[in-house]
C-alpha atoms as a PDB file:
ATOM      1  CA  MET A   1     104.857  14.364  30.821  1.00  0.00           C
ATOM      2  CA  ALA A   2     106.921  12.833  28.036  1.00  0.00           C
ATOM      3  CA  ALA A   3     109.928  14.872  26.976  1.00  0.00           C
ATOM      4  CA  ALA A   4     109.868  16.323  23.494  1.00  0.00           C
ATOM      5  CA  THR A   5     113.109  16.103  21.555  1.00  0.00           C
ATOM      6  CA  ALA A   6     114.454  18.547  18.983  1.00  0.00           C
ATOM      7  CA  THR A   7     117.744  18.821  17.146  1.00  0.00           C
ATOM      8  CA  ALA A   8     119.311  22.282  17.332  1.00  0.00           C
ATOM      9  CA  HIS A   9     122.425  23.621  15.656  1.00  0.00           C
ATOM     10  CA  PHE A  10     124.385  26.277  17.512  1.00  0.00           C
ATOM     11  CA  PHE A  11     127.290  28.575  16.833  1.00  0.00           C
ATOM     12  CA  PHE A  12     129.485  29.007  19.924  1.00  0.00           C
ATOM     13  CA  LYS A  13     131.429  32.242  20.190  1.00  0.00           C
ATOM     14  CA  GLY A  14     133.260  32.366  23.479  1.00  0.00           C
ATOM     15  CA  ASN A  15     130.779  30.761  25.889  1.00  0.00           C
ATOM     16  CA  ALA A  16     127.656  32.365  24.388  1.00  0.00           C
ATOM     17  CA  PRO A  17     125.398  30.074  22.304  1.00  0.00           C
ATOM     18  CA  PHE A  18     123.692  31.396  19.167  1.00  0.00           C
ATOM     19  CA  LEU A  19     120.865  29.496  17.517  1.00  0.00           C
ATOM     20  CA  LEU A  20     121.529  28.878  13.823  1.00  0.00           C
ATOM     21  CA  SER A  21     118.698  26.537  13.025  1.00  0.00           C
ATOM     22  CA  CYS A  22     116.266  24.314  14.817  1.00  0.00           C
ATOM     23  CA  ARG A  23     113.288  22.222  13.903  1.00  0.00           C
ATOM     24  CA  ARG A  24     111.312  23.876  16.648  1.00  0.00           C
ATOM     25  CA  ARG A  25     111.320  27.352  18.157  1.00  0.00           C
ATOM     26  CA  VAL A  26     113.738  27.093  21.091  1.00  0.00           C
ATOM     27  CA  LEU A  27     115.176  29.674  23.474  1.00  0.00           C
ATOM     28  CA  LEU A  28     118.283  28.559  25.305  1.00  0.00           C
ATOM     29  CA  TYR A  29     119.768  29.632  28.554  1.00  0.00           C
ATOM     30  CA  HIS A  30     123.533  29.037  28.997  1.00  0.00           C
ATOM     31  CA  PRO A  31     123.997  25.249  28.801  1.00  0.00           C
ATOM     32  CA  PRO A  32     125.579  23.692  31.892  1.00  0.00           C
ATOM     33  CA  ASN A  33     127.983  21.471  29.939  1.00  0.00           C
ATOM     34  CA  THR A  34     129.765  24.105  27.806  1.00  0.00           C
ATOM     35  CA  ALA A  35     132.500  25.098  30.267  1.00  0.00           C
ATOM     36  CA  SER A  36     134.901  22.539  28.804  1.00  0.00           C
ATOM     37  CA  LEU A  37     134.224  23.445  25.177  1.00  0.00           C
ATOM     38  CA  PRO A  38     137.024  25.200  23.281  1.00  0.00           C
ATOM     39  CA  ARG A  39     136.419  28.872  22.454  1.00  0.00           C
ATOM     40  CA  ARG A  40     135.038  29.693  18.996  1.00  0.00           C
ATOM     41  CA  THR A  41     133.901  26.169  18.268  1.00  0.00           C
ATOM     42  CA  LEU A  42     132.135  26.588  14.934  1.00  0.00           C
ATOM     43  CA  ILE A  43     129.044  24.437  14.678  1.00  0.00           C
ATOM     44  CA  LYS A  44     127.881  21.874  17.137  1.00  0.00           C
ATOM     45  CA  SER A  45     124.759  19.773  16.986  1.00  0.00           C
ATOM     46  CA  TYR A  46     122.974  19.101  20.207  1.00  0.00           C
ATOM     47  CA  HIS A  47     119.967  16.958  20.934  1.00  0.00           C
ATOM     48  CA  CYS A  48     118.079  18.845  23.583  1.00  0.00           C
ATOM     49  CA  SER A  49     115.446  17.164  25.692  1.00  0.00           C
ATOM     50  CA  ILE A  50     112.794  19.832  26.051  1.00  0.00           C
ATOM     51  CA  SER A  51     110.543  19.296  29.009  1.00  0.00           C
ATOM     52  CA  GLY A  52     110.444  22.587  30.831  1.00  0.00           C
ATOM     53  CA  SER A  53     114.150  22.398  31.587  1.00  0.00           C
ATOM     54  CA  PRO A  54     115.708  25.737  32.592  1.00  0.00           C
ATOM     55  CA  HIS A  55     118.225  25.241  29.786  1.00  0.00           C
ATOM     56  CA  ALA A  56     115.813  24.705  26.895  1.00  0.00           C
ATOM     57  CA  ILE A  57     112.149  25.646  26.817  1.00  0.00           C
ATOM     58  CA  LEU A  58     109.822  25.416  23.869  1.00  0.00           C
ATOM     59  CA  CYS A  59     107.938  28.591  23.086  1.00  0.00           C
ATOM     60  CA  ASN A  60     104.735  27.026  21.853  1.00  0.00           C
ATOM     61  CA  SER A  61     101.477  25.816  23.276  1.00  0.00           C
ATOM     62  CA  THR A  62     102.766  22.355  24.191  1.00  0.00           C
ATOM     63  CA  SER A  63     105.064  23.569  27.010  1.00  0.00           C
ATOM     64  CA  THR A  64     105.047  26.227  29.653  1.00  0.00           C
ATOM     65  CA  PRO A  65     106.196  29.443  27.906  1.00  0.00           C
ATOM     66  CA  LEU A  66     108.686  31.857  29.378  1.00  0.00           C
ATOM     67  CA  ARG A  67     107.175  34.982  30.814  1.00  0.00           C
ATOM     68  CA  ARG A  68     107.373  37.907  28.375  1.00  0.00           C
ATOM     69  CA  ARG A  69     109.960  39.768  30.471  1.00  0.00           C
ATOM     70  CA  GLU A  70     112.228  36.705  30.665  1.00  0.00           C
ATOM     71  CA  ARG A  71     111.958  36.089  26.920  1.00  0.00           C
ATOM     72  CA  MET A  72     112.740  39.686  26.079  1.00  0.00           C
ATOM     73  CA  HIS A  73     115.677  39.748  28.499  1.00  0.00           C
ATOM     74  CA  LEU A  74     117.173  36.617  26.959  1.00  0.00           C
ATOM     75  CA  LEU A  75     116.646  37.821  23.384  1.00  0.00           C
ATOM     76  CA  ARG A  76     118.128  41.223  24.215  1.00  0.00           C
ATOM     77  CA  TYR A  77     121.144  39.574  25.836  1.00  0.00           C
ATOM     78  CA  CYS A  78     121.825  37.409  22.779  1.00  0.00           C
ATOM     79  CA  THR A  79     121.344  40.333  20.390  1.00  0.00           C
ATOM     80  CA  GLU A  80     123.653  42.642  22.338  1.00  0.00           C
ATOM     81  CA  THR A  81     126.282  39.933  22.746  1.00  0.00           C
ATOM     82  CA  ALA A  82     126.239  39.218  19.028  1.00  0.00           C
ATOM     83  CA  ALA A  83     126.590  42.921  18.223  1.00  0.00           C
ATOM     84  CA  GLN A  84     129.540  43.288  20.581  1.00  0.00           C
ATOM     85  CA  ASP A  85     131.268  40.263  19.072  1.00  0.00           C
ATOM     86  CA  ASN A  86     130.721  41.658  15.582  1.00  0.00           C
ATOM     87  CA  LYS A  87     132.427  44.900  16.616  1.00  0.00           C
ATOM     88  CA  VAL A  88     135.366  42.966  18.015  1.00  0.00           C
ATOM     89  CA  ALA A  89     135.647  40.897  14.853  1.00  0.00           C
ATOM     90  CA  ALA A  90     135.543  44.019  12.692  1.00  0.00           C
ATOM     91  CA  ALA A  91     138.233  45.835  14.658  1.00  0.00           C
ATOM     92  CA  PRO A  92     141.687  45.813  13.065  1.00  0.00           C
ATOM     93  CA  SER A  93     144.275  43.619  14.730  1.00  0.00           C
ATOM     94  CA  THR A  94     147.149  46.038  14.195  1.00  0.00           C
ATOM     95  CA  THR A  95     148.741  47.900  17.071  1.00  0.00           C
ATOM     96  CA  VAL A  96     148.871  51.676  17.099  1.00  0.00           C
ATOM     97  CA  ASP A  97     152.331  53.173  17.178  1.00  0.00           C
ATOM     98  CA  VAL A  98     152.842  56.415  19.043  1.00  0.00           C
ATOM     99  CA  ASP A  99     153.993  59.178  16.729  1.00  0.00           C
ATOM    100  CA  VAL A 100     157.112  60.401  18.495  1.00  0.00           C
ATOM    101  CA  ASP A 101     157.229  63.359  16.124  1.00  0.00           C
ATOM    102  CA  ASP A 102     153.886  64.577  17.417  1.00  0.00           C
ATOM    103  CA  ASN A 103     154.323  68.042  18.894  1.00  0.00           C
ATOM    104  CA  SER A 104     152.136  67.150  21.872  1.00  0.00           C
ATOM    105  CA  ILE A 105     154.556  64.403  22.970  1.00  0.00           C
ATOM    106  CA  ARG A 106     157.567  66.615  22.498  1.00  0.00           C
ATOM    107  CA  GLU A 107     155.878  69.446  24.360  1.00  0.00           C
ATOM    108  CA  ALA A 108     155.110  67.065  27.226  1.00  0.00           C
ATOM    109  CA  ALA A 109     158.752  65.946  27.232  1.00  0.00           C
ATOM    110  CA  ASN A 110     159.886  69.548  27.446  1.00  0.00           C
ATOM    111  CA  THR A 111     157.808  70.114  30.567  1.00  0.00           C
ATOM    112  CA  LEU A 112     160.065  67.623  32.348  1.00  0.00           C
ATOM    113  CA  ASP A 113     162.626  69.470  34.451  1.00  0.00           C
ATOM    114  CA  ILE A 114     165.731  67.789  33.058  1.00  0.00           C
ATOM    115  CA  ARG A 115     168.971  69.462  34.106  1.00  0.00           C
ATOM    116  CA  VAL A 116     172.698  69.060  34.042  1.00  0.00           C
ATOM    117  CA  GLY A 117     173.950  67.929  37.431  1.00  0.00           C
ATOM    118  CA  ARG A 118     177.267  67.172  39.022  1.00  0.00           C
ATOM    119  CA  ILE A 119     177.758  64.427  41.579  1.00  0.00           C
ATOM    120  CA  LEU A 120     179.649  65.917  44.501  1.00  0.00           C
ATOM    121  CA  LYS A 121     179.698  62.833  46.687  1.00  0.00           C
ATOM    122  CA  ALA A 122     178.414  59.274  46.457  1.00  0.00           C
ATOM    123  CA  TRP A 123     178.291  56.318  48.830  1.00  0.00           C
ATOM    124  CA  ARG A 124     176.624  52.956  49.284  1.00  0.00           C
ATOM    125  CA  HIS A 125     173.174  52.997  50.859  1.00  0.00           C
ATOM    126  CA  GLU A 126     173.427  51.497  54.349  1.00  0.00           C
ATOM    127  CA  GLU A 127     170.098  49.670  54.118  1.00  0.00           C
ATOM    128  CA  ALA A 128     169.954  48.672  50.437  1.00  0.00           C
ATOM    129  CA  ASP A 129     172.725  46.732  48.693  1.00  0.00           C
ATOM    130  CA  SER A 130     171.642  47.808  45.201  1.00  0.00           C
ATOM    131  CA  LEU A 131     171.512  51.573  45.852  1.00  0.00           C
ATOM    132  CA  TYR A 132     173.954  54.430  45.824  1.00  0.00           C
ATOM    133  CA  VAL A 133     173.181  57.685  47.564  1.00  0.00           C
ATOM    134  CA  GLU A 134     174.508  60.806  45.831  1.00  0.00           C
ATOM    135  CA  GLU A 135     174.690  64.475  46.630  1.00  0.00           C
ATOM    136  CA  VAL A 136     174.109  66.237  43.300  1.00  0.00           C
ATOM    137  CA  ASP A 137     174.551  69.882  42.400  1.00  0.00           C
ATOM    138  CA  VAL A 138     171.646  70.855  40.104  1.00  0.00           C
ATOM    139  CA  GLY A 139     172.143  74.616  40.285  1.00  0.00           C
ATOM    140  CA  GLU A 140     170.224  75.151  43.507  1.00  0.00           C
ATOM    141  CA  PRO A 141     171.504  76.649  46.784  1.00  0.00           C
ATOM    142  CA  GLU A 142     171.832  73.161  48.284  1.00  0.00           C
ATOM    143  CA  PRO A 143     172.706  69.867  46.568  1.00  0.00           C
ATOM    144  CA  ARG A 144     169.958  67.314  46.145  1.00  0.00           C
ATOM    145  CA  THR A 145     170.057  63.863  47.641  1.00  0.00           C
ATOM    146  CA  ILE A 146     169.311  61.249  44.989  1.00  0.00           C
ATOM    147  CA  CYS A 147     169.240  57.464  45.280  1.00  0.00           C
ATOM    148  CA  SER A 148     170.046  55.348  42.231  1.00  0.00           C
ATOM    149  CA  GLY A 149     170.110  51.591  41.674  1.00  0.00           C
ATOM    150  CA  LEU A 150     173.479  51.499  39.944  1.00  0.00           C
ATOM    151  CA  VAL A 151     175.577  49.380  42.305  1.00  0.00           C
ATOM    152  CA  LYS A 152     175.633  46.279  40.076  1.00  0.00           C
ATOM    153  CA  TYR A 153     176.324  48.299  36.917  1.00  0.00           C
ATOM    154  CA  ILE A 154     178.785  51.101  37.716  1.00  0.00           C
ATOM    155  CA  PRO A 155     181.665  51.042  40.211  1.00  0.00           C
ATOM    156  CA  LEU A 156     181.454  53.685  42.899  1.00  0.00           C
ATOM    157  CA  HIS A 157     184.631  55.456  41.848  1.00  0.00           C
ATOM    158  CA  HIS A 158     183.214  55.936  38.323  1.00  0.00           C
ATOM    159  CA  ILE A 159     180.329  58.107  39.521  1.00  0.00           C
ATOM    160  CA  GLN A 160     182.277  60.329  41.889  1.00  0.00           C
ATOM    161  CA  ASP A 161     182.737  63.946  40.826  1.00  0.00           C
ATOM    162  CA  ARG A 162     181.207  63.640  37.354  1.00  0.00           C
ATOM    163  CA  ASN A 163     178.570  65.459  35.323  1.00  0.00           C
ATOM    164  CA  VAL A 164     175.224  63.727  34.841  1.00  0.00           C
ATOM    165  CA  ILE A 165     171.697  64.323  33.564  1.00  0.00           C
ATOM    166  CA  VAL A 166     169.050  64.661  36.279  1.00  0.00           C
ATOM    167  CA  LEU A 167     165.261  64.433  36.065  1.00  0.00           C
ATOM    168  CA  ALA A 168     164.394  66.915  38.771  1.00  0.00           C
ATOM    169  CA  ASN A 169     160.598  67.282  38.907  1.00  0.00           C
ATOM    170  CA  LEU A 170     159.591  63.856  40.148  1.00  0.00           C
ATOM    171  CA  LYS A 171     157.871  63.627  43.507  1.00  0.00           C
ATOM    172  CA  PRO A 172     160.325  62.742  46.305  1.00  0.00           C
ATOM    173  CA  ARG A 173     160.475  59.028  47.148  1.00  0.00           C
ATOM    174  CA  ASN A 174     161.544  57.316  50.330  1.00  0.00           C
ATOM    175  CA  MET A 175     164.213  54.779  49.373  1.00  0.00           C
ATOM    176  CA  ARG A 176     164.770  52.539  52.367  1.00  0.00           C
ATOM    177  CA  GLY A 177     164.908  55.420  54.809  1.00  0.00           C
ATOM    178  CA  VAL A 178     166.590  57.960  52.501  1.00  0.00           C
ATOM    179  CA  LYS A 179     164.409  60.471  50.649  1.00  0.00           C
ATOM    180  CA  SER A 180     165.387  60.805  46.992  1.00  0.00           C
ATOM    181  CA  PHE A 181     164.725  64.102  45.183  1.00  0.00           C
ATOM    182  CA  GLY A 182     165.191  63.174  41.549  1.00  0.00           C
ATOM    183  CA  MET A 183     166.619  60.555  39.215  1.00  0.00           C
ATOM    184  CA  LEU A 184     169.894  60.131  37.357  1.00  0.00           C
ATOM    185  CA  MET A 185     169.121  59.373  33.715  1.00  0.00           C
ATOM    186  CA  ALA A 186     170.891  56.422  32.138  1.00  0.00           C
ATOM    187  CA  ALA A 187     170.855  54.205  29.045  1.00  0.00           C
ATOM    188  CA  SER A 188     170.577  50.425  29.142  1.00  0.00           C
ATOM    189  CA  ASP A 189     170.671  47.615  26.611  1.00  0.00           C
ATOM    190  CA  ALA A 190     167.648  45.443  25.873  1.00  0.00           C
ATOM    191  CA  ALA A 191     168.624  42.786  28.414  1.00  0.00           C
ATOM    192  CA  HIS A 192     169.412  45.448  31.015  1.00  0.00           C
ATOM    193  CA  ASP A 193     172.801  43.846  31.550  1.00  0.00           C
ATOM    194  CA  ASN A 194     174.689  47.055  30.810  1.00  0.00           C
ATOM    195  CA  VAL A 195     173.802  50.502  32.119  1.00  0.00           C
ATOM    196  CA  GLU A 196     175.592  53.797  31.519  1.00  0.00           C
ATOM    197  CA  LEU A 197     174.827  57.277  32.774  1.00  0.00           C
ATOM    198  CA  LEU A 198     173.983  59.897  30.161  1.00  0.00           C
ATOM    199  CA  VAL A 199     176.744  62.423  29.586  1.00  0.00           C
ATOM    200  CA  PRO A 200     176.167  66.185  29.128  1.00  0.00           C
ATOM    201  CA  PRO A 201     178.268  67.994  26.504  1.00  0.00           C
ATOM    202  CA  ASP A 202     181.600  69.465  27.498  1.00  0.00           C
ATOM    203  CA  GLY A 203     181.249  72.836  29.184  1.00  0.00           C
ATOM    204  CA  ALA A 204     177.728  72.219  30.512  1.00  0.00           C
ATOM    205  CA  VAL A 205     177.197  73.664  33.987  1.00  0.00           C
ATOM    206  CA  PRO A 206     175.051  72.322  36.835  1.00  0.00           C
ATOM    207  CA  GLY A 207     171.492  73.565  36.654  1.00  0.00           C
ATOM    208  CA  GLU A 208     171.501  74.092  32.889  1.00  0.00           C
ATOM    209  CA  ARG A 209     168.236  73.025  31.289  1.00  0.00           C
ATOM    210  CA  VAL A 210     168.024  70.089  28.908  1.00  0.00           C
ATOM    211  CA  TRP A 211     165.378  69.934  26.163  1.00  0.00           C
ATOM    212  CA  PHE A 212     164.361  68.043  23.025  1.00  0.00           C
ATOM    213  CA  GLY A 213     164.633  69.832  19.696  1.00  0.00           C
ATOM    214  CA  SER A 214     166.883  72.298  17.947  1.00  0.00           C
ATOM    215  CA  ILE A 215     169.169  74.905  19.429  1.00  0.00           C
ATOM    216  CA  ASP A 216     166.837  77.634  18.153  1.00  0.00           C
ATOM    217  CA  GLU A 217     163.954  76.391  20.309  1.00  0.00           C
ATOM    218  CA  LYS A 218     165.640  77.198  23.619  1.00  0.00           C
ATOM    219  CA  GLU A 219     163.790  80.509  24.025  1.00  0.00           C
ATOM    220  CA  ASN A 220     160.359  79.008  23.320  1.00  0.00           C
ATOM    221  CA  LEU A 221     160.340  76.108  25.776  1.00  0.00           C
ATOM    222  CA  PRO A 222     157.228  75.594  27.912  1.00  0.00           C
ATOM    223  CA  ASP A 223     157.313  76.036  31.665  1.00  0.00           C
ATOM    224  CA  VAL A 224     158.323  72.926  33.556  1.00  0.00           C
ATOM    225  CA  ALA A 225     155.538  70.974  35.231  1.00  0.00           C
ATOM    226  CA  SER A 226     155.256  70.623  38.969  1.00  0.00           C
ATOM    227  CA  PRO A 227     155.974  67.209  40.505  1.00  0.00           C
ATOM    228  CA  ASN A 228     152.234  66.810  41.140  1.00  0.00           C
ATOM    229  CA  GLN A 229     151.453  67.523  37.485  1.00  0.00           C
ATOM    230  CA  VAL A 230     154.096  65.065  36.323  1.00  0.00           C
ATOM    231  CA  GLN A 231     152.530  62.378  38.467  1.00  0.00           C
ATOM    232  CA  LYS A 232     148.890  63.203  37.761  1.00  0.00           C
ATOM    233  CA  LYS A 233     149.303  63.539  33.980  1.00  0.00           C
ATOM    234  CA  LYS A 234     151.747  60.597  33.822  1.00  0.00           C
ATOM    235  CA  ILE A 235     154.131  62.691  31.766  1.00  0.00           C
ATOM    236  CA  TRP A 236     157.177  60.538  32.432  1.00  0.00           C
ATOM    237  CA  GLU A 237     155.232  57.368  31.582  1.00  0.00           C
ATOM    238  CA  LEU A 238     154.239  58.955  28.245  1.00  0.00           C
ATOM    239  CA  VAL A 239     157.707  60.179  27.327  1.00  0.00           C
ATOM    240  CA  GLN A 240     160.069  57.496  28.639  1.00  0.00           C
ATOM    241  CA  PRO A 241     159.201  54.713  26.137  1.00  0.00           C
ATOM    242  CA  GLN A 242     160.172  57.049  23.293  1.00  0.00           C
ATOM    243  CA  LEU A 243     163.641  57.874  24.655  1.00  0.00           C
ATOM    244  CA  LYS A 244     166.526  56.065  22.925  1.00  0.00           C
ATOM    245  CA  THR A 245     170.113  56.471  21.910  1.00  0.00           C
ATOM    246  CA  ASP A 246     170.812  56.316  18.185  1.00  0.00           C
ATOM    247  CA  GLU A 247     173.552  54.573  16.216  1.00  0.00           C
ATOM    248  CA  SER A 248     176.015  57.224  17.348  1.00  0.00           C
ATOM    249  CA  GLY A 249     175.026  57.066  21.024  1.00  0.00           C
ATOM    250  CA  VAL A 250     173.174  60.401  20.930  1.00  0.00           C
ATOM    251  CA  ALA A 251     170.123  60.614  23.200  1.00  0.00           C
ATOM    252  CA  LYS A 252     166.897  61.319  21.312  1.00  0.00           C
ATOM    253  CA  LEU A 253     163.139  61.564  21.564  1.00  0.00           C
ATOM    254  CA  GLY A 254     162.188  60.188  18.166  1.00  0.00           C
ATOM    255  CA  ILE A 255     164.072  62.397  15.703  1.00  0.00           C
ATOM    256  CA  HIS A 256     164.616  65.165  18.255  1.00  0.00           C
ATOM    257  CA  HIS A 257     168.008  65.476  19.925  1.00  0.00           C
ATOM    258  CA  MET A 258     168.298  65.739  23.688  1.00  0.00           C
ATOM    259  CA  ARG A 259     170.476  68.814  24.147  1.00  0.00           C
ATOM    260  CA  THR A 260     171.753  71.701  26.181  1.00  0.00           C
ATOM    261  CA  SER A 261     172.887  75.065  24.857  1.00  0.00           C
ATOM    262  CA  GLY A 262     176.375  73.570  24.500  1.00  0.00           C
ATOM    263  CA  GLY A 263     175.497  70.495  22.431  1.00  0.00           C
ATOM    264  CA  VAL A 264     173.758  67.127  22.508  1.00  0.00           C
ATOM    265  CA  VAL A 265     173.529  64.620  25.348  1.00  0.00           C
ATOM    266  CA  THR A 266     175.254  61.305  24.674  1.00  0.00           C
ATOM    267  CA  CYS A 267     176.010  57.875  26.080  1.00  0.00           C
ATOM    268  CA  GLU A 268     179.569  56.547  26.260  1.00  0.00           C
ATOM    269  CA  SER A 269     179.119  53.272  24.367  1.00  0.00           C
ATOM    270  CA  LEU A 270     175.505  52.002  24.335  1.00  0.00           C
ATOM    271  CA  LYS A 271     173.859  52.455  20.936  1.00  0.00           C
ATOM    272  CA  ASN A 272     170.177  52.004  20.132  1.00  0.00           C
ATOM    273  CA  ALA A 273     169.609  51.684  23.854  1.00  0.00           C
ATOM    274  CA  ASN A 274     166.651  52.514  26.076  1.00  0.00           C
ATOM    275  CA  ILE A 275     166.813  55.579  28.309  1.00  0.00           C
ATOM    276  CA  SER A 276     165.258  55.786  31.746  1.00  0.00           C
END
């Protein structure tokens, strides 16, 4: 049987062909030679040899028609694909910024059990060159063991016997054979070349709660979340990207100061820095 020839014009969006015009009624399956085509090629003209090929079949009496179910499936696929692409094209290209002044974010931040701590003793981890191991008083009957990756940033003698800020309701983690029960909070520059521990205000005592907001809000703070809740609800992952130091080195969540009853939490010298 001699092959019939028709000229078809197609719009390629991604790898899906869409029929714009054709001299004859043609339904196309995915052409085998389109893998190398650039995405969103506008209009291409193809001369398709139509002879019952699985890639181009005439829907008229001169060739074997597709079964009704196959035709409907192909038409539905093309229609749905076009609709999806139209939705993507109509969607705005701007990114959505998180409103750090939203009360829900601040409330989530205030369910983190952030406390004043005091490092009683610190030493190098025997199995990890980048880790210190610290015993930290956080106002509990026994000090907590906490591992921190500060070896390359802070000399050991600078973290001995000093007040720090501790995130205390993270799930314990095994750090090369030593279980860590919390995290020392620190600020770092954009390149992460410089890291400094956050500093509580003078007079702060171990175990004192830290929150975000005004001094008047101390009595209305929510209950702290359990370590399981912090992990399941990804509270730290929600809050941490919004934590910064300002131009004066004060730790903040958006416009809200990080504070204790005695004043705000600060960083010694890093300004406009990330906090983690």
